[in-house]
Amino acid sequence: MKYIHFSIDDVGKSLAWLAVNKPKSIYDMLFFGLLNKWHSCYGIKVTLNVYACLENFDLAQIPEVYKREFDSAGDWMRFAYHSKSIRPFIEDELNTVITGYNIFDEACRRLMWHQSDIVRLHFWKASEEQKKFLKSKGVNILIYKDDAEFEYDSNDEFYDQELIHWKNNIRFETDDIKKIKAIIDNKERVVMFTHEWALFDQRLKIENTLKLCSNSIWSYI
């Protein structure tokens, strides 16, 4: 069995649109509709790395009317804390991290979001005290940058403060399909992502990648 982790970073504007426009279903939106299509066609599981706040918006503004849809999608669509705002995660004081996480955690409770224990932080890095806080909240795996100079073993992971670190393998905005196919052919675990703002521009490349990983040897984590 080979394993794949697919996530989307900087998720915020779609949630703000949901709060303002209040469609009948989350799947009436292009963002969630596309993810649902990929789940139906290719069996994907996806983690959405979420901002707690944007300008004039925070997660508390999303109506609870959508909680049943979010809950029913919990086996394939999970949520993780990305950062309080667009400021890099590591630049926030611990109190700011705690405030932002509490906003996110309350949204998970209220909207019945299923949380992932695999997280990619905004701009990747975290301090020791920030990592300890995340661990206390159930985070077990942090993803680190594809071109990072961290030491890691042959399985692309290492341990620090009781957290597992996985190296990112595929970034859809920069990697072409030839490189992506080579990674998929040669890795036992593939970690891949895009950003909310790039999802539609990259959707054909992403879909072609999902097709490559749609056979029974692949399992989403």
N, C-alpha and C. Protein backbone atom coordinates (compact mmCIF):
# COMPACT_ATOMS: atom_id res chain seq x y z
N MET A 1 0.83 -1.19 0.00
CA MET A 1 0.00 0.00 0.00
C MET A 1 0.88 1.26 0.00
N LYS A 2 0.49 2.25 -0.82
CA LYS A 2 1.15 3.55 -0.84
C LYS A 2 0.18 4.59 -0.30
N TYR A 3 0.73 5.69 0.25
CA TYR A 3 -0.10 6.64 0.98
C TYR A 3 0.04 8.04 0.40
N ILE A 4 -1.06 8.78 0.47
CA ILE A 4 -1.06 10.14 -0.07
C ILE A 4 -1.79 11.08 0.89
N HIS A 5 -1.20 12.25 1.09
CA HIS A 5 -1.84 13.30 1.89
C HIS A 5 -2.00 14.52 0.99
N PHE A 6 -3.24 14.97 0.84
CA PHE A 6 -3.57 16.10 -0.02
C PHE A 6 -4.19 17.19 0.84
N SER A 7 -3.69 18.41 0.71
CA SER A 7 -4.23 19.50 1.51
C SER A 7 -4.25 20.80 0.71
N ILE A 8 -5.03 21.74 1.21
CA ILE A 8 -5.17 23.06 0.60
C ILE A 8 -4.88 24.09 1.68
N ASP A 9 -3.94 25.00 1.39
CA ASP A 9 -3.52 26.02 2.34
C ASP A 9 -4.30 27.33 2.13
N ASP A 10 -4.19 28.21 3.12
CA ASP A 10 -4.72 29.58 3.05
C ASP A 10 -6.23 29.61 2.83
N VAL A 11 -6.94 28.64 3.40
CA VAL A 11 -8.39 28.60 3.23
C VAL A 11 -9.03 29.65 4.12
N GLY A 12 -9.71 30.59 3.51
CA GLY A 12 -10.36 31.68 4.24
C GLY A 12 -11.39 32.40 3.41
N LYS A 13 -11.02 32.79 2.19
CA LYS A 13 -11.94 33.56 1.35
C LYS A 13 -13.19 32.76 1.00
N SER A 14 -13.04 31.46 0.78
CA SER A 14 -14.22 30.63 0.48
C SER A 14 -15.16 30.58 1.67
N LEU A 15 -14.59 30.53 2.87
CA LEU A 15 -15.41 30.50 4.08
C LEU A 15 -16.08 31.85 4.31
N ALA A 16 -15.37 32.93 4.00
CA ALA A 16 -15.98 34.27 4.10
C ALA A 16 -17.12 34.41 3.10
N TRP A 17 -16.94 33.89 1.89
CA TRP A 17 -17.99 33.94 0.87
C TRP A 17 -19.20 33.15 1.35
N LEU A 18 -18.97 32.00 1.95
CA LEU A 18 -20.06 31.18 2.48
C LEU A 18 -20.85 31.95 3.54
N ALA A 19 -20.14 32.65 4.42
CA ALA A 19 -20.79 33.39 5.49
C ALA A 19 -21.64 34.54 4.96
N VAL A 20 -21.16 35.19 3.91
CA VAL A 20 -21.86 36.37 3.37
C VAL A 20 -23.01 35.98 2.45
N ASN A 21 -22.79 35.01 1.56
CA ASN A 21 -23.75 34.70 0.50
C ASN A 21 -24.76 33.62 0.87
N LYS A 22 -24.42 32.79 1.84
CA LYS A 22 -25.35 31.80 2.40
C LYS A 22 -26.07 30.96 1.33
N PRO A 23 -25.31 30.20 0.52
CA PRO A 23 -25.97 29.31 -0.44
C PRO A 23 -26.77 28.23 0.27
N LYS A 24 -27.67 27.59 -0.46
CA LYS A 24 -28.49 26.53 0.13
C LYS A 24 -27.62 25.39 0.63
N SER A 25 -26.57 25.06 -0.12
CA SER A 25 -25.66 23.96 0.23
C SER A 25 -24.23 24.44 0.04
N ILE A 26 -23.32 23.90 0.83
CA ILE A 26 -21.91 24.23 0.63
C ILE A 26 -21.45 23.78 -0.76
N TYR A 27 -22.09 22.74 -1.31
CA TYR A 27 -21.67 22.21 -2.60
C TYR A 27 -22.19 23.02 -3.78
N ASP A 28 -23.00 24.04 -3.49
CA ASP A 28 -23.37 25.01 -4.52
C ASP A 28 -22.23 25.97 -4.82
N MET A 29 -21.23 26.00 -3.93
CA MET A 29 -20.04 26.81 -4.14
C MET A 29 -19.07 26.09 -5.06
N LEU A 30 -18.32 26.85 -5.85
CA LEU A 30 -17.31 26.24 -6.72
C LEU A 30 -16.27 25.49 -5.90
N PHE A 31 -15.84 26.06 -4.78
CA PHE A 31 -14.77 25.48 -3.98
C PHE A 31 -15.16 24.11 -3.44
N PHE A 32 -16.22 24.05 -2.65
CA PHE A 32 -16.63 22.79 -2.06
C PHE A 32 -17.24 21.84 -3.10
N GLY A 33 -17.86 22.40 -4.13
CA GLY A 33 -18.40 21.56 -5.20
C GLY A 33 -17.32 20.80 -5.93
N LEU A 34 -16.18 21.46 -6.18
CA LEU A 34 -15.07 20.79 -6.86
C LEU A 34 -14.47 19.70 -5.99
N LEU A 35 -14.29 19.99 -4.72
CA LEU A 35 -13.74 18.97 -3.82
C LEU A 35 -14.67 17.76 -3.73
N ASN A 36 -15.98 18.02 -3.66
CA ASN A 36 -16.95 16.93 -3.60
C ASN A 36 -16.93 16.09 -4.88
N LYS A 37 -16.77 16.73 -6.02
CA LYS A 37 -16.65 16.00 -7.29
C LYS A 37 -15.43 15.08 -7.26
N TRP A 38 -14.31 15.60 -6.79
CA TRP A 38 -13.09 14.79 -6.74
C TRP A 38 -13.23 13.64 -5.74
N HIS A 39 -13.93 13.89 -4.66
CA HIS A 39 -14.18 12.79 -3.73
C HIS A 39 -15.04 11.71 -4.38
N SER A 40 -16.08 12.10 -5.08
CA SER A 40 -16.98 11.14 -5.72
C SER A 40 -16.27 10.37 -6.83
N CYS A 41 -15.44 11.06 -7.60
CA CYS A 41 -14.79 10.43 -8.76
C CYS A 41 -13.53 9.65 -8.40
N TYR A 42 -12.74 10.16 -7.46
CA TYR A 42 -11.41 9.60 -7.21
C TYR A 42 -11.19 9.16 -5.77
N GLY A 43 -12.19 9.35 -4.92
CA GLY A 43 -12.06 8.90 -3.53
C GLY A 43 -11.10 9.70 -2.69
N ILE A 44 -10.93 10.99 -3.01
CA ILE A 44 -9.94 11.79 -2.27
C ILE A 44 -10.37 12.02 -0.83
N LYS A 45 -9.37 12.24 0.00
CA LYS A 45 -9.54 12.87 1.30
C LYS A 45 -8.67 14.12 1.28
N VAL A 46 -9.17 15.21 1.86
CA VAL A 46 -8.45 16.48 1.80
C VAL A 46 -8.48 17.15 3.15
N THR A 47 -7.37 17.81 3.49
CA THR A 47 -7.29 18.63 4.69
C THR A 47 -7.27 20.09 4.27
N LEU A 48 -8.15 20.89 4.87
CA LEU A 48 -8.20 22.33 4.61
C LEU A 48 -7.51 23.06 5.75
N ASN A 49 -6.39 23.71 5.44
CA ASN A 49 -5.63 24.47 6.43
C ASN A 49 -6.17 25.89 6.47
N VAL A 50 -6.79 26.24 7.60
CA VAL A 50 -7.71 27.37 7.69
C VAL A 50 -7.13 28.53 8.48
N TYR A 51 -7.35 29.77 7.94
CA TYR A 51 -7.12 30.97 8.73
C TYR A 51 -8.28 31.16 9.70
N ALA A 52 -7.99 31.58 10.93
CA ALA A 52 -9.05 31.90 11.89
C ALA A 52 -9.74 33.22 11.54
N CYS A 53 -8.97 34.17 11.01
CA CYS A 53 -9.49 35.51 10.73
C CYS A 53 -8.92 36.05 9.43
N LEU A 54 -9.74 36.81 8.74
CA LEU A 54 -9.30 37.67 7.65
C LEU A 54 -9.85 39.06 7.92
N GLU A 55 -9.51 40.02 7.09
CA GLU A 55 -10.05 41.37 7.27
C GLU A 55 -11.57 41.34 7.22
N ASN A 56 -12.20 41.83 8.25
CA ASN A 56 -13.68 41.90 8.35
C ASN A 56 -14.35 40.53 8.38
N PHE A 57 -13.61 39.50 8.75
CA PHE A 57 -14.20 38.16 8.82
C PHE A 57 -13.47 37.32 9.84
N ASP A 58 -14.26 36.52 10.61
CA ASP A 58 -13.66 35.40 11.34
C ASP A 58 -14.64 34.23 11.29
N LEU A 59 -14.18 33.08 11.72
CA LEU A 59 -14.93 31.85 11.54
C LEU A 59 -16.26 31.84 12.28
N ALA A 60 -16.40 32.69 13.29
CA ALA A 60 -17.65 32.74 14.05
C ALA A 60 -18.81 33.22 13.19
N GLN A 61 -18.54 33.82 12.03
CA GLN A 61 -19.59 34.36 11.17
C GLN A 61 -20.24 33.30 10.28
N ILE A 62 -19.68 32.10 10.23
CA ILE A 62 -20.26 31.06 9.37
C ILE A 62 -21.51 30.49 10.05
N PRO A 63 -22.65 30.49 9.36
CA PRO A 63 -23.89 30.00 9.99
C PRO A 63 -23.84 28.50 10.30
N GLU A 64 -24.48 28.13 11.40
CA GLU A 64 -24.50 26.72 11.80
C GLU A 64 -25.37 25.86 10.89
N VAL A 65 -26.13 26.46 9.99
CA VAL A 65 -27.03 25.70 9.12
C VAL A 65 -26.27 24.67 8.28
N TYR A 66 -24.94 24.88 8.10
CA TYR A 66 -24.14 23.98 7.25
C TYR A 66 -23.51 22.83 8.03
N LYS A 67 -23.74 22.77 9.33
CA LYS A 67 -22.99 21.81 10.15
C LYS A 67 -23.29 20.36 9.77
N ARG A 68 -24.50 20.03 9.35
CA ARG A 68 -24.80 18.65 8.98
C ARG A 68 -24.02 18.23 7.74
N GLU A 69 -23.88 19.14 6.78
CA GLU A 69 -23.10 18.82 5.58
C GLU A 69 -21.63 18.64 5.93
N PHE A 70 -21.10 19.52 6.77
CA PHE A 70 -19.71 19.38 7.17
C PHE A 70 -19.50 18.07 7.94
N ASP A 71 -20.41 17.76 8.82
CA ASP A 71 -20.28 16.54 9.61
C ASP A 71 -20.34 15.30 8.72
N SER A 72 -21.25 15.28 7.77
CA SER A 72 -21.40 14.10 6.91
C SER A 72 -20.21 13.93 5.98
N ALA A 73 -19.46 15.01 5.74
CA ALA A 73 -18.25 14.93 4.90
C ALA A 73 -17.00 14.66 5.71
N GLY A 74 -17.16 14.44 7.01
CA GLY A 74 -16.01 14.34 7.89
C GLY A 74 -15.08 13.17 7.63
N ASP A 75 -15.57 12.14 6.91
CA ASP A 75 -14.69 11.01 6.60
C ASP A 75 -13.70 11.33 5.49
N TRP A 76 -13.93 12.44 4.75
CA TRP A 76 -13.02 12.77 3.64
C TRP A 76 -12.58 14.24 3.62
N MET A 77 -13.26 15.12 4.35
CA MET A 77 -12.88 16.53 4.38
C MET A 77 -12.63 16.95 5.83
N ARG A 78 -11.36 17.25 6.12
CA ARG A 78 -10.96 17.58 7.47
C ARG A 78 -10.37 18.99 7.51
N PHE A 79 -10.30 19.55 8.69
CA PHE A 79 -9.86 20.92 8.87
C PHE A 79 -8.68 20.98 9.84
N ALA A 80 -7.77 21.91 9.58
CA ALA A 80 -6.61 22.09 10.45
C ALA A 80 -6.34 23.59 10.60
N TYR A 81 -5.72 23.95 11.71
CA TYR A 81 -5.39 25.34 12.00
C TYR A 81 -4.12 25.72 11.24
N HIS A 82 -4.22 26.76 10.41
CA HIS A 82 -3.10 27.21 9.57
C HIS A 82 -2.37 28.39 10.22
N SER A 83 -3.16 29.38 10.65
CA SER A 83 -2.63 30.56 11.32
C SER A 83 -3.81 31.42 11.74
N LYS A 84 -3.59 32.36 12.64
CA LYS A 84 -4.67 33.26 13.02
C LYS A 84 -5.07 34.14 11.85
N SER A 85 -4.07 34.58 11.06
CA SER A 85 -4.33 35.48 9.94
C SER A 85 -3.24 35.26 8.89
N ILE A 86 -3.09 36.21 7.98
CA ILE A 86 -2.10 36.04 6.91
C ILE A 86 -0.67 36.27 7.40
N ARG A 87 -0.51 36.68 8.62
CA ARG A 87 0.82 36.83 9.22
C ARG A 87 1.44 35.44 9.39
N PRO A 88 2.74 35.27 9.06
CA PRO A 88 3.37 33.95 9.25
C PRO A 88 3.18 33.42 10.67
N PHE A 89 2.88 32.14 10.79
CA PHE A 89 2.57 31.52 12.08
C PHE A 89 3.65 31.79 13.10
N ILE A 90 4.90 31.62 12.73
CA ILE A 90 6.00 31.71 13.69
C ILE A 90 6.16 33.12 14.25
N GLU A 91 5.64 34.14 13.57
CA GLU A 91 5.78 35.52 14.03
C GLU A 91 4.77 35.89 15.11
N ASP A 92 3.78 35.04 15.33
CA ASP A 92 2.78 35.32 16.36
C ASP A 92 3.29 34.95 17.74
N GLU A 93 3.02 35.81 18.72
CA GLU A 93 3.27 35.47 20.11
C GLU A 93 2.37 34.29 20.49
N LEU A 94 2.77 33.56 21.52
CA LEU A 94 2.00 32.38 21.92
C LEU A 94 0.55 32.75 22.25
N ASN A 95 0.34 33.89 22.90
CA ASN A 95 -1.03 34.29 23.23
C ASN A 95 -1.88 34.49 21.98
N THR A 96 -1.26 35.00 20.91
CA THR A 96 -1.97 35.18 19.64
C THR A 96 -2.29 33.83 19.01
N VAL A 97 -1.34 32.91 19.09
CA VAL A 97 -1.58 31.55 18.58
C VAL A 97 -2.76 30.92 19.33
N ILE A 98 -2.76 31.06 20.65
CA ILE A 98 -3.83 30.48 21.45
C ILE A 98 -5.17 31.11 21.11
N THR A 99 -5.20 32.44 20.95
CA THR A 99 -6.44 33.13 20.58
C THR A 99 -6.96 32.64 19.24
N GLY A 100 -6.06 32.58 18.25
CA GLY A 100 -6.47 32.12 16.93
C GLY A 100 -6.93 30.68 16.93
N TYR A 101 -6.20 29.84 17.66
CA TYR A 101 -6.59 28.43 17.72
C TYR A 101 -7.95 28.27 18.39
N ASN A 102 -8.22 29.05 19.42
CA ASN A 102 -9.51 28.95 20.10
C ASN A 102 -10.67 29.34 19.18
N ILE A 103 -10.45 30.33 18.31
CA ILE A 103 -11.47 30.69 17.31
C ILE A 103 -11.70 29.51 16.37
N PHE A 104 -10.62 28.89 15.92
CA PHE A 104 -10.72 27.73 15.04
C PHE A 104 -11.40 26.56 15.75
N ASP A 105 -10.99 26.29 16.98
CA ASP A 105 -11.53 25.15 17.71
C ASP A 105 -13.03 25.32 17.98
N GLU A 106 -13.45 26.53 18.29
CA GLU A 106 -14.87 26.79 18.50
C GLU A 106 -15.65 26.59 17.20
N ALA A 107 -15.07 26.99 16.07
CA ALA A 107 -15.72 26.75 14.78
C ALA A 107 -15.85 25.26 14.51
N CYS A 108 -14.83 24.49 14.85
CA CYS A 108 -14.91 23.04 14.69
C CYS A 108 -16.05 22.45 15.51
N ARG A 109 -16.19 22.92 16.75
CA ARG A 109 -17.26 22.42 17.60
C ARG A 109 -18.63 22.83 17.07
N ARG A 110 -18.75 24.10 16.69
CA ARG A 110 -20.04 24.66 16.31
C ARG A 110 -20.51 24.15 14.94
N LEU A 111 -19.56 23.99 14.00
CA LEU A 111 -19.89 23.61 12.63
C LEU A 111 -19.67 22.12 12.37
N MET A 112 -19.25 21.41 13.42
CA MET A 112 -19.02 19.96 13.33
C MET A 112 -17.95 19.63 12.28
N TRP A 113 -16.93 20.47 12.23
CA TRP A 113 -15.77 20.18 11.39
C TRP A 113 -14.96 19.05 12.04
N HIS A 114 -14.51 18.11 11.25
CA HIS A 114 -13.63 17.05 11.73
C HIS A 114 -12.19 17.53 11.59
N GLN A 115 -11.46 17.50 12.70
CA GLN A 115 -10.10 18.04 12.70
C GLN A 115 -9.08 16.99 12.24
N SER A 116 -8.07 17.48 11.54
CA SER A 116 -6.93 16.64 11.15
C SER A 116 -5.80 16.83 12.15
N ASP A 117 -5.05 15.78 12.40
CA ASP A 117 -3.86 15.92 13.26
C ASP A 117 -2.60 16.12 12.42
N ILE A 118 -2.79 16.30 11.09
CA ILE A 118 -1.68 16.58 10.16
C ILE A 118 -1.84 18.02 9.70
N VAL A 119 -0.83 18.86 9.95
CA VAL A 119 -0.97 20.30 9.77
C VAL A 119 0.19 20.85 8.96
N ARG A 120 -0.13 21.78 8.05
CA ARG A 120 0.91 22.61 7.43
C ARG A 120 0.66 24.04 7.90
N LEU A 121 1.61 24.59 8.63
CA LEU A 121 1.46 25.93 9.19
C LEU A 121 1.76 26.99 8.13
N HIS A 122 1.18 28.17 8.32
CA HIS A 122 1.39 29.27 7.38
C HIS A 122 2.86 29.70 7.41
N PHE A 123 3.51 29.59 6.27
CA PHE A 123 4.96 29.81 6.14
C PHE A 123 5.76 28.77 6.92
N TRP A 124 5.16 27.61 7.17
CA TRP A 124 5.82 26.39 7.57
C TRP A 124 6.31 26.31 9.01
N LYS A 125 6.98 27.34 9.51
CA LYS A 125 7.79 27.22 10.72
C LYS A 125 7.00 27.50 11.99
N ALA A 126 7.51 26.93 13.10
CA ALA A 126 6.95 27.17 14.42
C ALA A 126 8.06 27.13 15.45
N SER A 127 7.90 27.89 16.51
CA SER A 127 8.87 27.86 17.61
C SER A 127 8.62 26.65 18.49
N GLU A 128 9.53 26.40 19.41
CA GLU A 128 9.38 25.26 20.32
C GLU A 128 8.12 25.38 21.16
N GLU A 129 7.84 26.58 21.71
CA GLU A 129 6.65 26.72 22.55
C GLU A 129 5.37 26.62 21.72
N GLN A 130 5.42 27.09 20.49
CA GLN A 130 4.25 26.94 19.61
C GLN A 130 3.99 25.47 19.30
N LYS A 131 5.06 24.72 19.05
CA LYS A 131 4.91 23.29 18.78
C LYS A 131 4.33 22.55 19.98
N LYS A 132 4.80 22.91 21.15
CA LYS A 132 4.28 22.27 22.36
C LYS A 132 2.79 22.55 22.52
N PHE A 133 2.37 23.77 22.21
CA PHE A 133 0.95 24.11 22.29
C PHE A 133 0.16 23.28 21.27
N LEU A 134 0.63 23.20 20.04
CA LEU A 134 -0.08 22.43 19.01
C LEU A 134 -0.19 20.96 19.41
N LYS A 135 0.89 20.41 19.97
CA LYS A 135 0.87 19.03 20.43
C LYS A 135 -0.19 18.84 21.51
N SER A 136 -0.33 19.81 22.39
CA SER A 136 -1.32 19.71 23.47
C SER A 136 -2.74 19.73 22.93
N LYS A 137 -2.91 20.21 21.70
CA LYS A 137 -4.22 20.28 21.07
C LYS A 137 -4.47 19.12 20.10
N GLY A 138 -3.59 18.14 20.12
CA GLY A 138 -3.83 16.94 19.33
C GLY A 138 -3.14 16.88 17.99
N VAL A 139 -2.32 17.89 17.67
CA VAL A 139 -1.55 17.84 16.42
C VAL A 139 -0.41 16.85 16.60
N ASN A 140 -0.25 15.95 15.64
CA ASN A 140 0.81 14.94 15.72
C ASN A 140 1.85 15.05 14.62
N ILE A 141 1.47 15.63 13.48
CA ILE A 141 2.37 15.68 12.33
C ILE A 141 2.38 17.10 11.77
N LEU A 142 3.58 17.66 11.60
CA LEU A 142 3.77 18.93 10.90
C LEU A 142 4.45 18.67 9.58
N ILE A 143 3.97 19.34 8.54
CA ILE A 143 4.57 19.22 7.21
C ILE A 143 5.59 20.34 7.03
N TYR A 144 6.77 19.99 6.54
CA TYR A 144 7.77 21.02 6.32
C TYR A 144 8.09 21.17 4.83
N LYS A 145 8.76 22.25 4.53
CA LYS A 145 8.90 22.76 3.17
C LYS A 145 9.63 21.79 2.25
N ASP A 146 9.17 21.72 0.99
CA ASP A 146 9.75 20.79 0.02
C ASP A 146 11.22 21.08 -0.27
N ASP A 147 11.65 22.34 -0.16
CA ASP A 147 13.06 22.64 -0.44
C ASP A 147 13.82 22.99 0.85
N ALA A 148 13.27 22.54 1.99
CA ALA A 148 13.91 22.84 3.28
C ALA A 148 15.22 22.08 3.44
N GLU A 149 16.08 22.59 4.30
CA GLU A 149 17.38 21.97 4.55
C GLU A 149 17.39 21.17 5.84
N PHE A 150 16.21 20.81 6.34
CA PHE A 150 16.16 19.98 7.54
C PHE A 150 16.76 18.61 7.26
N GLU A 151 17.35 18.02 8.29
CA GLU A 151 17.78 16.64 8.17
C GLU A 151 16.56 15.73 8.29
N TYR A 152 16.57 14.67 7.51
CA TYR A 152 15.48 13.70 7.60
C TYR A 152 16.00 12.37 7.09
N ASP A 153 15.32 11.29 7.50
CA ASP A 153 15.79 9.97 7.13
C ASP A 153 15.19 9.53 5.80
N SER A 154 15.37 8.29 5.44
CA SER A 154 14.96 7.81 4.12
C SER A 154 13.45 7.84 3.93
N ASN A 155 12.69 7.93 5.03
CA ASN A 155 11.24 8.02 4.94
C ASN A 155 10.75 9.46 4.99
N ASP A 156 11.67 10.42 4.87
CA ASP A 156 11.33 11.84 4.88
C ASP A 156 10.66 12.28 6.18
N GLU A 157 11.10 11.79 7.29
CA GLU A 157 10.51 12.24 8.55
C GLU A 157 11.56 12.28 9.66
N PHE A 158 11.35 13.14 10.62
CA PHE A 158 12.20 13.17 11.80
C PHE A 158 11.35 13.62 12.98
N TYR A 159 11.92 13.56 14.16
CA TYR A 159 11.15 13.79 15.37
C TYR A 159 11.70 14.99 16.14
N ASP A 160 10.76 15.77 16.67
CA ASP A 160 11.14 16.96 17.43
C ASP A 160 9.97 17.32 18.33
N GLN A 161 10.22 17.44 19.61
CA GLN A 161 9.19 17.80 20.57
C GLN A 161 7.95 16.91 20.45
N GLU A 162 8.19 15.62 20.25
CA GLU A 162 7.14 14.62 20.18
C GLU A 162 6.22 14.80 18.96
N LEU A 163 6.65 15.58 18.00
CA LEU A 163 5.91 15.74 16.75
C LEU A 163 6.66 15.04 15.63
N ILE A 164 5.93 14.42 14.73
CA ILE A 164 6.51 13.86 13.51
C ILE A 164 6.51 14.96 12.45
N HIS A 165 7.56 15.05 11.67
CA HIS A 165 7.64 16.01 10.59
C HIS A 165 7.71 15.28 9.25
N TRP A 166 6.80 15.60 8.35
CA TRP A 166 6.82 15.05 7.00
C TRP A 166 7.24 16.13 6.02
N LYS A 167 8.10 15.76 5.10
CA LYS A 167 8.52 16.69 4.06
C LYS A 167 7.46 16.76 2.96
N ASN A 168 7.15 17.99 2.53
CA ASN A 168 6.24 18.15 1.40
C ASN A 168 6.92 17.68 0.12
N ASN A 169 6.18 17.00 -0.75
CA ASN A 169 6.74 16.47 -1.99
C ASN A 169 6.28 17.19 -3.25
N ILE A 170 5.00 17.57 -3.30
CA ILE A 170 4.43 18.16 -4.52
C ILE A 170 3.75 19.47 -4.18
N ARG A 171 4.12 20.52 -4.93
CA ARG A 171 3.47 21.83 -4.85
C ARG A 171 2.90 22.11 -6.24
N PHE A 172 1.59 22.10 -6.37
CA PHE A 172 0.98 22.12 -7.70
C PHE A 172 1.27 23.41 -8.46
N GLU A 173 1.50 24.52 -7.76
CA GLU A 173 1.76 25.78 -8.47
C GLU A 173 3.09 25.77 -9.21
N THR A 174 4.04 24.97 -8.77
CA THR A 174 5.39 25.02 -9.34
C THR A 174 5.85 23.72 -10.01
N ASP A 175 5.24 22.59 -9.67
CA ASP A 175 5.70 21.31 -10.19
C ASP A 175 4.90 20.91 -11.43
N ASP A 176 5.62 20.50 -12.49
CA ASP A 176 4.91 20.08 -13.70
C ASP A 176 4.52 18.61 -13.57
N ILE A 177 3.67 18.15 -14.49
CA ILE A 177 3.10 16.81 -14.37
C ILE A 177 4.18 15.73 -14.52
N LYS A 178 5.23 16.01 -15.27
CA LYS A 178 6.32 15.03 -15.41
C LYS A 178 7.01 14.81 -14.07
N LYS A 179 7.31 15.89 -13.37
CA LYS A 179 7.93 15.78 -12.04
C LYS A 179 6.98 15.09 -11.07
N ILE A 180 5.71 15.46 -11.13
CA ILE A 180 4.70 14.87 -10.23
C ILE A 180 4.62 13.37 -10.45
N LYS A 181 4.57 12.94 -11.70
CA LYS A 181 4.48 11.50 -12.00
C LYS A 181 5.70 10.75 -11.47
N ALA A 182 6.88 11.34 -11.61
CA ALA A 182 8.09 10.69 -11.11
C ALA A 182 8.05 10.53 -9.59
N ILE A 183 7.56 11.55 -8.90
CA ILE A 183 7.44 11.47 -7.43
C ILE A 183 6.46 10.37 -7.05
N ILE A 184 5.32 10.33 -7.72
CA ILE A 184 4.29 9.33 -7.42
C ILE A 184 4.82 7.92 -7.67
N ASP A 185 5.59 7.75 -8.73
CA ASP A 185 6.11 6.43 -9.07
C ASP A 185 7.16 5.95 -8.07
N ASN A 186 7.86 6.89 -7.42
CA ASN A 186 9.03 6.50 -6.61
C ASN A 186 8.86 6.66 -5.11
N LYS A 187 7.75 7.22 -4.67
CA LYS A 187 7.54 7.44 -3.24
C LYS A 187 6.50 6.46 -2.71
N GLU A 188 6.70 6.04 -1.47
CA GLU A 188 5.70 5.22 -0.79
C GLU A 188 4.67 6.09 -0.08
N ARG A 189 5.05 7.33 0.24
CA ARG A 189 4.14 8.30 0.81
C ARG A 189 4.34 9.62 0.10
N VAL A 190 3.26 10.19 -0.40
CA VAL A 190 3.33 11.44 -1.14
C VAL A 190 2.52 12.50 -0.39
N VAL A 191 3.17 13.64 -0.13
CA VAL A 191 2.52 14.78 0.52
C VAL A 191 2.42 15.89 -0.52
N MET A 192 1.19 16.30 -0.84
CA MET A 192 1.01 17.27 -1.92
C MET A 192 -0.01 18.34 -1.50
N PHE A 193 0.15 19.54 -2.09
CA PHE A 193 -0.76 20.61 -1.71
C PHE A 193 -0.84 21.69 -2.78
N THR A 194 -1.88 22.49 -2.64
CA THR A 194 -2.01 23.74 -3.36
C THR A 194 -2.57 24.76 -2.40
N HIS A 195 -2.84 25.98 -2.89
CA HIS A 195 -3.44 27.02 -2.08
C HIS A 195 -4.87 27.28 -2.56
N GLU A 196 -5.69 27.79 -1.67
CA GLU A 196 -7.06 28.14 -2.05
C GLU A 196 -7.07 29.06 -3.26
N TRP A 197 -6.19 30.06 -3.27
CA TRP A 197 -6.18 31.05 -4.35
C TRP A 197 -5.71 30.46 -5.68
N ALA A 198 -5.06 29.29 -5.65
CA ALA A 198 -4.55 28.67 -6.87
C ALA A 198 -5.37 27.47 -7.33
N LEU A 199 -6.35 27.06 -6.56
CA LEU A 199 -7.04 25.80 -6.81
C LEU A 199 -7.63 25.73 -8.21
N PHE A 200 -8.29 26.77 -8.65
CA PHE A 200 -8.96 26.71 -9.95
C PHE A 200 -7.98 26.79 -11.11
N ASP A 201 -6.92 27.57 -10.96
CA ASP A 201 -5.89 27.61 -12.00
C ASP A 201 -5.19 26.26 -12.14
N GLN A 202 -5.05 25.53 -11.05
CA GLN A 202 -4.31 24.27 -11.04
C GLN A 202 -5.22 23.04 -11.13
N ARG A 203 -6.51 23.24 -11.31
CA ARG A 203 -7.45 22.12 -11.16
C ARG A 203 -7.23 21.00 -12.17
N LEU A 204 -6.83 21.30 -13.40
CA LEU A 204 -6.60 20.23 -14.38
C LEU A 204 -5.38 19.40 -14.02
N LYS A 205 -4.32 20.06 -13.57
CA LYS A 205 -3.12 19.34 -13.13
C LYS A 205 -3.42 18.49 -11.90
N ILE A 206 -4.18 19.06 -10.97
CA ILE A 206 -4.56 18.31 -9.78
C ILE A 206 -5.40 17.10 -10.16
N GLU A 207 -6.37 17.29 -11.04
CA GLU A 207 -7.23 16.18 -11.42
C GLU A 207 -6.45 15.08 -12.13
N ASN A 208 -5.52 15.46 -12.98
CA ASN A 208 -4.68 14.44 -13.64
C ASN A 208 -3.85 13.67 -12.62
N THR A 209 -3.39 14.35 -11.57
CA THR A 209 -2.64 13.69 -10.50
C THR A 209 -3.54 12.75 -9.72
N LEU A 210 -4.75 13.19 -9.42
CA LEU A 210 -5.69 12.34 -8.68
C LEU A 210 -6.02 11.08 -9.47
N LYS A 211 -6.09 11.19 -10.77
CA LYS A 211 -6.33 10.01 -11.61
C LYS A 211 -5.18 9.01 -11.47
N LEU A 212 -3.95 9.53 -11.38
CA LEU A 212 -2.79 8.65 -11.23
C LEU A 212 -2.82 7.90 -9.91
N CYS A 213 -3.51 8.47 -8.92
CA CYS A 213 -3.53 7.89 -7.57
C CYS A 213 -4.88 7.26 -7.23
N SER A 214 -5.68 6.95 -8.24
CA SER A 214 -7.03 6.47 -7.98
C SER A 214 -7.15 4.95 -7.95
N ASN A 215 -6.03 4.23 -8.14
CA ASN A 215 -6.13 2.77 -8.09
C ASN A 215 -5.97 2.26 -6.66
N SER A 216 -6.13 0.99 -6.50
CA SER A 216 -6.26 0.40 -5.16
C SER A 216 -4.96 0.37 -4.36
N ILE A 217 -3.82 0.67 -4.97
CA ILE A 217 -2.57 0.65 -4.21
C ILE A 217 -2.41 1.92 -3.36
N TRP A 218 -3.25 2.95 -3.61
CA TRP A 218 -3.13 4.22 -2.90
C TRP A 218 -4.19 4.34 -1.82
N SER A 219 -3.81 4.85 -0.68
CA SER A 219 -4.75 5.14 0.40
C SER A 219 -4.49 6.55 0.90
N TYR A 220 -5.55 7.34 1.06
CA TYR A 220 -5.42 8.73 1.55
C TYR A 220 -5.29 8.75 3.06
N ILE A 221 -4.41 9.64 3.55
CA ILE A 221 -4.23 9.82 4.98
C ILE A 221 -4.38 11.30 5.32
